[in-house]
Amino acid sequence: QVQLVESGGGSVQAGDSLRLSCSHPGNIASSGMGWYQKAPGKQRELVAFMYSGGAVIYGIAREGRFTISRPNAENTMYLQMNSLKPADTGVYYCKTRVAGQDYWGQGTQVTVAS
C-alpha cells in the first residue's frame, strides 16, 4: 500500500497562484508520479506527469502555466499553478504507479473565481 497525501488547495481569484503538495513514502519503485484534475461534471484528466527518468508531460492548456517538480531530497511532489482560470476549478489528485498498480491520494479542492 502506497499512501499519498495532497495539500495546498484553496479558493483564489482568476490570475492568482497556488502550489499543491503531495507527500509520498519515498524510496518507492514508481514508474512516475502525476497530478490529475476532476472538474465538476467532467471525468478526471491529466494535469501533469513526471516519469521516473525525469521526462514530463502536461495536459491540455496547462503547459506554460503549471510546473510539476519532485526534488530528490524531499518525499514530496509539487504542482506550481500560475495564472489560474475558473476552468482550473476541481479536485486535484496525485497518483503514482508501483508494480503496475495505481495509487491515488484523497484529493485537494481548488476553486478559482472569475
C-alpha atoms as a PDB file:
ATOM      1  CA  GLN A   1       0.000   0.000   0.000  1.00  0.00           C
ATOM      2  CA  VAL A   2       1.360   3.398  -1.011  1.00  0.00           C
ATOM      3  CA  GLN A   3      -0.125   6.368   0.818  1.00  0.00           C
ATOM      4  CA  LEU A   4      -0.232   9.751  -0.888  1.00  0.00           C
ATOM      5  CA  VAL A   5      -1.421  12.916   0.854  1.00  0.00           C
ATOM      6  CA  GLU A   6      -2.240  16.107  -1.045  1.00  0.00           C
ATOM      7  CA  SER A   7      -2.400  19.604   0.394  1.00  0.00           C
ATOM      8  CA  GLY A   8      -2.322  23.217  -0.695  1.00  0.00           C
ATOM      9  CA  GLY A   9      -5.711  23.657  -2.305  1.00  0.00           C
ATOM     10  CA  GLY A  10      -7.917  26.651  -1.654  1.00  0.00           C
ATOM     11  CA  SER A  11     -10.167  29.341  -3.074  1.00  0.00           C
ATOM     12  CA  VAL A  12      -8.497  32.031  -5.173  1.00  0.00           C
ATOM     13  CA  GLN A  13      -9.280  34.645  -7.811  1.00  0.00           C
ATOM     14  CA  ALA A  14      -8.545  34.244 -11.508  1.00  0.00           C
ATOM     15  CA  GLY A  15      -4.915  35.110 -12.195  1.00  0.00           C
ATOM     16  CA  ASP A  16      -3.713  34.008  -8.756  1.00  0.00           C
ATOM     17  CA  SER A  17      -1.263  31.216  -7.999  1.00  0.00           C
ATOM     18  CA  LEU A  18      -1.320  28.109  -5.810  1.00  0.00           C
ATOM     19  CA  ARG A  19       1.197  25.405  -5.036  1.00  0.00           C
ATOM     20  CA  LEU A  20      -0.066  21.920  -4.361  1.00  0.00           C
ATOM     21  CA  SER A  21       1.966  19.337  -2.486  1.00  0.00           C
ATOM     22  CA  CYS A  22       1.778  15.557  -2.480  1.00  0.00           C
ATOM     23  CA  SER A  23       3.699  13.737   0.197  1.00  0.00           C
ATOM     24  CA  HIS A  24       4.725  10.169  -0.546  1.00  0.00           C
ATOM     25  CA  PRO A  25       6.623   7.472   1.309  1.00  0.00           C
ATOM     26  CA  GLY A  26       9.878   7.894  -0.595  1.00  0.00           C
ATOM     27  CA  ASN A  27      12.088   5.064  -1.856  1.00  0.00           C
ATOM     28  CA  ILE A  28       9.189   3.604  -3.812  1.00  0.00           C
ATOM     29  CA  ALA A  29       9.875   1.875  -7.124  1.00  0.00           C
ATOM     30  CA  SER A  30       7.482   4.083  -9.004  1.00  0.00           C
ATOM     31  CA  SER A  31       7.359   4.488 -12.765  1.00  0.00           C
ATOM     32  CA  GLY A  32       6.310   8.078 -12.183  1.00  0.00           C
ATOM     33  CA  MET A  33       4.000  10.434 -10.347  1.00  0.00           C
ATOM     34  CA  GLY A  34       1.493  12.957 -11.552  1.00  0.00           C
ATOM     35  CA  TRP A  35      -1.417  15.265 -10.928  1.00  0.00           C
ATOM     36  CA  TYR A  36      -4.976  14.894 -12.204  1.00  0.00           C
ATOM     37  CA  GLN A  37      -7.978  17.225 -12.062  1.00  0.00           C
ATOM     38  CA  LYS A  38     -11.590  16.201 -11.513  1.00  0.00           C
ATOM     39  CA  ALA A  39     -13.643  19.199 -12.622  1.00  0.00           C
ATOM     40  CA  PRO A  40     -17.358  19.378 -11.767  1.00  0.00           C
ATOM     41  CA  GLY A  41     -19.348  17.263 -14.214  1.00  0.00           C
ATOM     42  CA  LYS A  42     -16.257  16.005 -16.018  1.00  0.00           C
ATOM     43  CA  GLN A  43     -14.023  12.978 -15.936  1.00  0.00           C
ATOM     44  CA  ARG A  44     -10.690  13.088 -14.206  1.00  0.00           C
ATOM     45  CA  GLU A  45      -7.993  14.321 -16.587  1.00  0.00           C
ATOM     46  CA  LEU A  46      -4.255  14.639 -16.689  1.00  0.00           C
ATOM     47  CA  VAL A  47      -2.693  17.864 -15.452  1.00  0.00           C
ATOM     48  CA  ALA A  48       0.982  16.885 -15.377  1.00  0.00           C
ATOM     49  CA  PHE A  49       3.045  13.717 -15.036  1.00  0.00           C
ATOM     50  CA  MET A  50       6.708  13.193 -14.290  1.00  0.00           C
ATOM     51  CA  TYR A  51       8.234   9.855 -15.246  1.00  0.00           C
ATOM     52  CA  SER A  52      10.895   8.265 -13.100  1.00  0.00           C
ATOM     53  CA  GLY A  53      13.545   9.212 -15.669  1.00  0.00           C
ATOM     54  CA  GLY A  54      12.581  12.871 -15.387  1.00  0.00           C
ATOM     55  CA  ALA A  55      10.525  13.348 -18.536  1.00  0.00           C
ATOM     56  CA  VAL A  56       7.431  15.484 -18.020  1.00  0.00           C
ATOM     57  CA  ILE A  57       4.165  15.788 -19.881  1.00  0.00           C
ATOM     58  CA  TYR A  58       1.422  18.351 -19.339  1.00  0.00           C
ATOM     59  CA  GLY A  59      -2.265  18.184 -20.052  1.00  0.00           C
ATOM     60  CA  ILE A  60      -4.053  20.452 -22.484  1.00  0.00           C
ATOM     61  CA  ALA A  61      -3.852  24.188 -21.594  1.00  0.00           C
ATOM     62  CA  ARG A  62      -1.532  23.569 -18.640  1.00  0.00           C
ATOM     63  CA  GLU A  63       1.960  23.879 -20.105  1.00  0.00           C
ATOM     64  CA  GLY A  64       3.375  27.326 -19.544  1.00  0.00           C
ATOM     65  CA  ARG A  65       1.147  27.933 -16.532  1.00  0.00           C
ATOM     66  CA  PHE A  66       1.768  24.832 -14.409  1.00  0.00           C
ATOM     67  CA  THR A  67       5.048  23.278 -13.313  1.00  0.00           C
ATOM     68  CA  ILE A  68       5.458  19.847 -11.766  1.00  0.00           C
ATOM     69  CA  SER A  69       8.507  19.115  -9.641  1.00  0.00           C
ATOM     70  CA  ARG A  70       9.781  16.376  -7.379  1.00  0.00           C
ATOM     71  CA  PRO A  71      13.017  17.393  -5.633  1.00  0.00           C
ATOM     72  CA  ASN A  72      15.260  14.409  -4.946  1.00  0.00           C
ATOM     73  CA  ALA A  73      15.883  15.392  -1.345  1.00  0.00           C
ATOM     74  CA  GLU A  74      12.200  15.575  -0.468  1.00  0.00           C
ATOM     75  CA  ASN A  75       9.457  12.977  -0.228  1.00  0.00           C
ATOM     76  CA  THR A  76       7.114  15.490  -1.813  1.00  0.00           C
ATOM     77  CA  MET A  77       5.879  16.252  -5.290  1.00  0.00           C
ATOM     78  CA  TYR A  78       4.713  19.761  -6.126  1.00  0.00           C
ATOM     79  CA  LEU A  79       2.451  21.401  -8.660  1.00  0.00           C
ATOM     80  CA  GLN A  80       3.010  25.132  -9.065  1.00  0.00           C
ATOM     81  CA  MET A  81      -0.082  26.639 -10.682  1.00  0.00           C
ATOM     82  CA  ASN A  82       0.118  30.194 -12.040  1.00  0.00           C
ATOM     83  CA  SER A  83      -2.382  32.384 -13.896  1.00  0.00           C
ATOM     84  CA  LEU A  84      -5.239  30.275 -12.609  1.00  0.00           C
ATOM     85  CA  LYS A  85      -8.516  30.248 -14.527  1.00  0.00           C
ATOM     86  CA  PRO A  86     -12.054  29.281 -13.494  1.00  0.00           C
ATOM     87  CA  ALA A  87     -11.636  26.172 -15.705  1.00  0.00           C
ATOM     88  CA  ASP A  88      -8.912  25.025 -13.317  1.00  0.00           C
ATOM     89  CA  THR A  89     -11.524  24.542 -10.591  1.00  0.00           C
ATOM     90  CA  GLY A  90     -11.836  20.990  -9.324  1.00  0.00           C
ATOM     91  CA  VAL A  91     -10.382  18.373  -7.049  1.00  0.00           C
ATOM     92  CA  TYR A  92      -6.711  17.693  -7.696  1.00  0.00           C
ATOM     93  CA  TYR A  93      -5.363  14.218  -7.085  1.00  0.00           C
ATOM     94  CA  CYS A  94      -1.841  12.907  -7.133  1.00  0.00           C
ATOM     95  CA  LYS A  95      -1.172   9.452  -8.442  1.00  0.00           C
ATOM     96  CA  THR A  96       1.711   7.064  -8.640  1.00  0.00           C
ATOM     97  CA  ARG A  97       2.116   3.667 -10.271  1.00  0.00           C
ATOM     98  CA  VAL A  98       4.053   0.961  -8.485  1.00  0.00           C
ATOM     99  CA  ALA A  99       4.419  -2.561  -9.878  1.00  0.00           C
ATOM    100  CA  GLY A 100       1.603  -1.944 -12.308  1.00  0.00           C
ATOM    101  CA  GLN A 101      -0.814  -0.682  -9.665  1.00  0.00           C
ATOM    102  CA  ASP A 102      -2.097   2.883  -9.440  1.00  0.00           C
ATOM    103  CA  TYR A 103      -2.310   4.595  -6.069  1.00  0.00           C
ATOM    104  CA  TRP A 104      -4.281   7.808  -5.540  1.00  0.00           C
ATOM    105  CA  GLY A 105      -4.389  10.417  -2.835  1.00  0.00           C
ATOM    106  CA  GLN A 106      -7.619  11.712  -1.333  1.00  0.00           C
ATOM    107  CA  GLY A 107      -7.547  14.941  -3.347  1.00  0.00           C
ATOM    108  CA  THR A 108      -7.421  18.643  -2.560  1.00  0.00           C
ATOM    109  CA  GLN A 109     -10.022  21.164  -3.700  1.00  0.00           C
ATOM    110  CA  VAL A 110      -9.060  24.136  -5.881  1.00  0.00           C
ATOM    111  CA  THR A 111     -11.672  26.791  -6.587  1.00  0.00           C
ATOM    112  CA  VAL A 112     -10.938  29.692  -8.926  1.00  0.00           C
ATOM    113  CA  ALA A 113     -13.431  32.549  -9.013  1.00  0.00           C
ATOM    114  CA  SER A 114     -13.745  34.810 -12.047  1.00  0.00           C
END
